[in-house]
Amino acid sequence: MSDAAIMAGSQQIVVDEVFPHTLDVVWKTLTMPGMMGRWLRMEPIGFKPTVGTRFTYQTTPAGEWDGVIHCEVLEATPYERLSYSWKGGHEGNVGYGSRLDTVVTFVLSAVENGARLRLVHSGFVLPKNESAFKSMSEGWKKVVLTIDAIAADQG
C-alpha cells in the first residue's frame, strides 16, 4: 500500500481544552516523568523532553505483544510543543494489541487567563487499528482532564 493510501485511511484523535494554568505549569505537567506517570497511568521509562530520546511505557500484554510501547521524542519546544512516536502491538494480534505506529503531539498556546492544550494522536489505520482508536479516543479525553487536575495541584 502506498504512503498516500495509508494516510488517506488514517484517523486521528483530537482533544482541545483550555486550562486556567500558566504555560509553564502545563509544560511541567506534560514533561516531568513522575507527573506523566500520573496522568497516563503508565510510568515512562527513560523519558526526557529532548529530541531523539527513546523511552517506553509498559501496559497490559496481549497475545504476541509484550505490552511495551516504544516512543521517541520527535519535537520538544518548551511551553509550545511536545511530539513523540507511539509504537506497539504485534502483527499477529487482532483488536487490542494489534500493530500500532502513531504519533502523539501536545501543542500549547497562551490564552486569556490560561493555556490551551491541543492533543493530537495521529496515524491510526482503520480498520486495523479500530480497537485502539475507539478505546484511546475515550481514554485521551480522560487523560486531558487528569492533566488539568494535576496542573491545578502545581499552580
Protein backbone atom coordinates (compact mmCIF):
# COMPACT_ATOMS: atom_id res chain seq x y z
CA MET A 1 0.00 0.00 0.00
CA SER A 2 1.35 3.45 -0.88
CA ASP A 3 2.03 6.15 1.74
CA ALA A 4 -0.78 8.24 0.21
CA ALA A 5 -3.22 5.34 0.56
CA ILE A 6 -2.16 4.76 4.16
CA MET A 7 -2.57 8.45 5.02
CA ALA A 8 -5.98 8.56 3.29
CA GLY A 9 -7.14 5.68 5.51
CA SER A 10 -5.65 7.03 8.71
CA GLN A 11 -7.53 8.73 11.52
CA GLN A 12 -6.53 10.96 14.39
CA ILE A 13 -7.82 11.71 17.85
CA VAL A 14 -8.01 15.38 18.79
CA VAL A 15 -8.72 16.74 22.28
CA ASP A 16 -8.65 20.52 22.73
CA GLU A 17 -9.08 22.12 26.16
CA VAL A 18 -8.37 25.44 27.84
CA PHE A 19 -6.95 25.34 31.37
CA PRO A 20 -6.68 28.11 33.97
CA HIS A 21 -2.95 27.43 34.35
CA THR A 22 0.22 29.04 33.01
CA LEU A 23 2.10 27.51 30.08
CA ASP A 24 4.95 26.76 32.49
CA VAL A 25 2.75 24.71 34.81
CA VAL A 26 1.14 22.75 31.95
CA TRP A 27 4.55 22.12 30.32
CA LYS A 28 5.95 20.74 33.58
CA THR A 29 2.88 18.52 33.96
CA LEU A 30 3.40 17.18 30.43
CA THR A 31 7.15 16.60 30.69
CA MET A 32 8.08 15.58 34.24
CA PRO A 33 8.22 11.76 34.27
CA GLY A 34 6.51 11.43 37.67
CA MET A 35 3.61 13.58 36.52
CA MET A 36 3.43 11.80 33.15
CA GLY A 37 3.04 8.53 35.02
CA ARG A 38 0.14 10.01 36.98
CA TRP A 39 -1.85 11.36 34.05
CA LEU A 40 -1.22 8.45 31.69
CA ARG A 41 -1.26 5.80 34.43
CA MET A 42 1.90 4.34 32.95
CA GLU A 43 5.34 5.45 34.11
CA PRO A 44 7.62 6.49 31.22
CA ILE A 45 10.99 4.72 31.35
CA GLY A 46 13.89 6.84 30.08
CA PHE A 47 11.87 9.94 29.11
CA LYS A 48 13.50 13.36 28.69
CA PRO A 49 11.91 16.19 26.69
CA THR A 50 14.83 16.15 24.24
CA VAL A 51 14.56 15.34 20.53
CA GLY A 52 15.85 11.84 19.81
CA THR A 53 15.25 10.49 23.32
CA ARG A 54 13.86 6.95 23.17
CA PHE A 55 11.64 5.80 26.02
CA THR A 56 8.98 3.23 26.77
CA TYR A 57 5.70 2.73 28.56
CA GLN A 58 4.53 -0.66 29.85
CA THR A 59 0.88 -1.63 29.56
CA THR A 60 -1.08 -4.87 29.63
CA PRO A 61 0.40 -7.50 27.27
CA ALA A 62 -1.87 -9.24 24.75
CA GLY A 63 -1.25 -12.30 22.61
CA GLU A 64 2.15 -11.99 20.95
CA TRP A 65 2.65 -8.41 22.21
CA ASP A 66 4.67 -7.86 25.38
CA GLY A 67 2.77 -4.65 26.25
CA VAL A 68 5.75 -2.33 25.63
CA ILE A 69 5.02 0.95 23.86
CA HIS A 70 8.16 2.25 22.15
CA CYS A 71 8.44 6.03 21.85
CA GLU A 72 10.91 8.58 20.52
CA VAL A 73 10.73 12.32 21.09
CA LEU A 74 10.27 13.95 17.67
CA GLU A 75 9.80 17.56 18.79
CA ALA A 76 10.28 19.34 22.11
CA THR A 77 9.86 23.10 22.14
CA PRO A 78 9.40 24.20 25.76
CA TYR A 79 5.99 25.74 26.53
CA GLU A 80 4.86 25.15 22.92
CA ARG A 81 5.06 21.61 21.55
CA LEU A 82 5.92 18.04 22.52
CA SER A 83 5.62 15.26 19.98
CA TYR A 84 6.65 11.62 20.15
CA SER A 85 6.17 8.40 18.25
CA TRP A 86 3.95 5.75 19.87
CA LYS A 87 4.60 2.25 18.54
CA GLY A 88 3.49 -1.08 19.90
CA GLY A 89 1.45 -4.17 19.31
CA HIS A 90 2.16 -7.20 17.17
CA GLU A 91 1.18 -8.13 13.61
CA GLY A 92 -0.28 -11.42 14.86
CA ASN A 93 -2.82 -9.71 17.13
CA VAL A 94 -6.30 -8.62 16.12
CA GLY A 95 -8.08 -5.93 18.13
CA TYR A 96 -6.28 -4.97 21.33
CA GLY A 97 -2.55 -5.37 20.87
CA SER A 98 -2.53 -5.17 17.07
CA ARG A 99 0.41 -3.35 15.46
CA LEU A 100 0.23 0.41 16.06
CA ASP A 101 2.57 3.05 14.58
CA THR A 102 1.33 6.50 15.57
CA VAL A 103 2.40 9.94 16.81
CA VAL A 104 1.22 11.82 19.91
CA THR A 105 1.53 15.62 19.81
CA PHE A 106 0.76 18.16 22.53
CA VAL A 107 0.50 21.78 21.39
CA LEU A 108 0.37 24.57 23.97
CA SER A 109 -0.65 28.16 23.42
CA ALA A 110 -1.33 31.07 25.73
CA VAL A 111 -4.91 32.27 26.01
CA GLU A 112 -6.53 34.85 28.21
CA ASN A 113 -6.35 33.59 31.80
CA GLY A 114 -4.61 30.34 30.97
CA ALA A 115 -3.31 27.86 28.42
CA ARG A 116 -4.85 25.89 25.59
CA LEU A 117 -3.75 22.27 25.26
CA ARG A 118 -4.42 20.54 21.97
CA LEU A 119 -3.60 16.84 21.93
CA VAL A 120 -3.45 15.07 18.56
CA HIS A 121 -2.81 11.33 18.36
CA SER A 122 -2.44 10.59 14.65
CA GLY A 123 -1.75 7.68 12.34
CA PHE A 124 -4.47 5.17 13.23
CA VAL A 125 -5.02 2.95 10.19
CA LEU A 126 -8.59 1.69 10.02
CA PRO A 127 -9.91 -0.93 10.21
CA LYS A 128 -6.66 -2.49 11.52
CA ASN A 129 -6.35 -0.04 14.46
CA GLU A 130 -10.08 0.35 15.12
CA SER A 131 -9.91 -1.17 18.61
CA ALA A 132 -7.07 1.14 19.69
CA PHE A 133 -8.70 4.15 18.02
CA LYS A 134 -12.01 3.64 19.85
CA SER A 135 -10.52 2.98 23.28
CA MET A 136 -7.90 5.73 23.02
CA SER A 137 -10.47 8.27 21.76
CA GLU A 138 -12.23 7.97 25.10
CA GLY A 139 -9.03 7.47 27.06
CA TRP A 140 -7.32 10.66 25.85
CA LYS A 141 -10.35 12.75 26.90
CA LYS A 142 -9.93 11.43 30.44
CA VAL A 143 -6.16 11.91 30.32
CA VAL A 144 -6.53 15.58 29.36
CA LEU A 145 -8.90 16.16 32.30
CA THR A 146 -6.36 14.47 34.57
CA ILE A 147 -3.59 16.72 33.19
CA ASP A 148 -5.77 19.69 34.21
CA ALA A 149 -6.24 18.30 37.73
CA ILE A 150 -2.52 17.57 38.20
CA ALA A 151 -1.59 21.02 36.85
CA ALA A 152 -4.03 22.57 39.35
CA ASP A 153 -2.08 20.88 42.17
CA GLN A 154 1.13 22.54 40.89
CA GLY A 155 -0.25 26.07 40.50
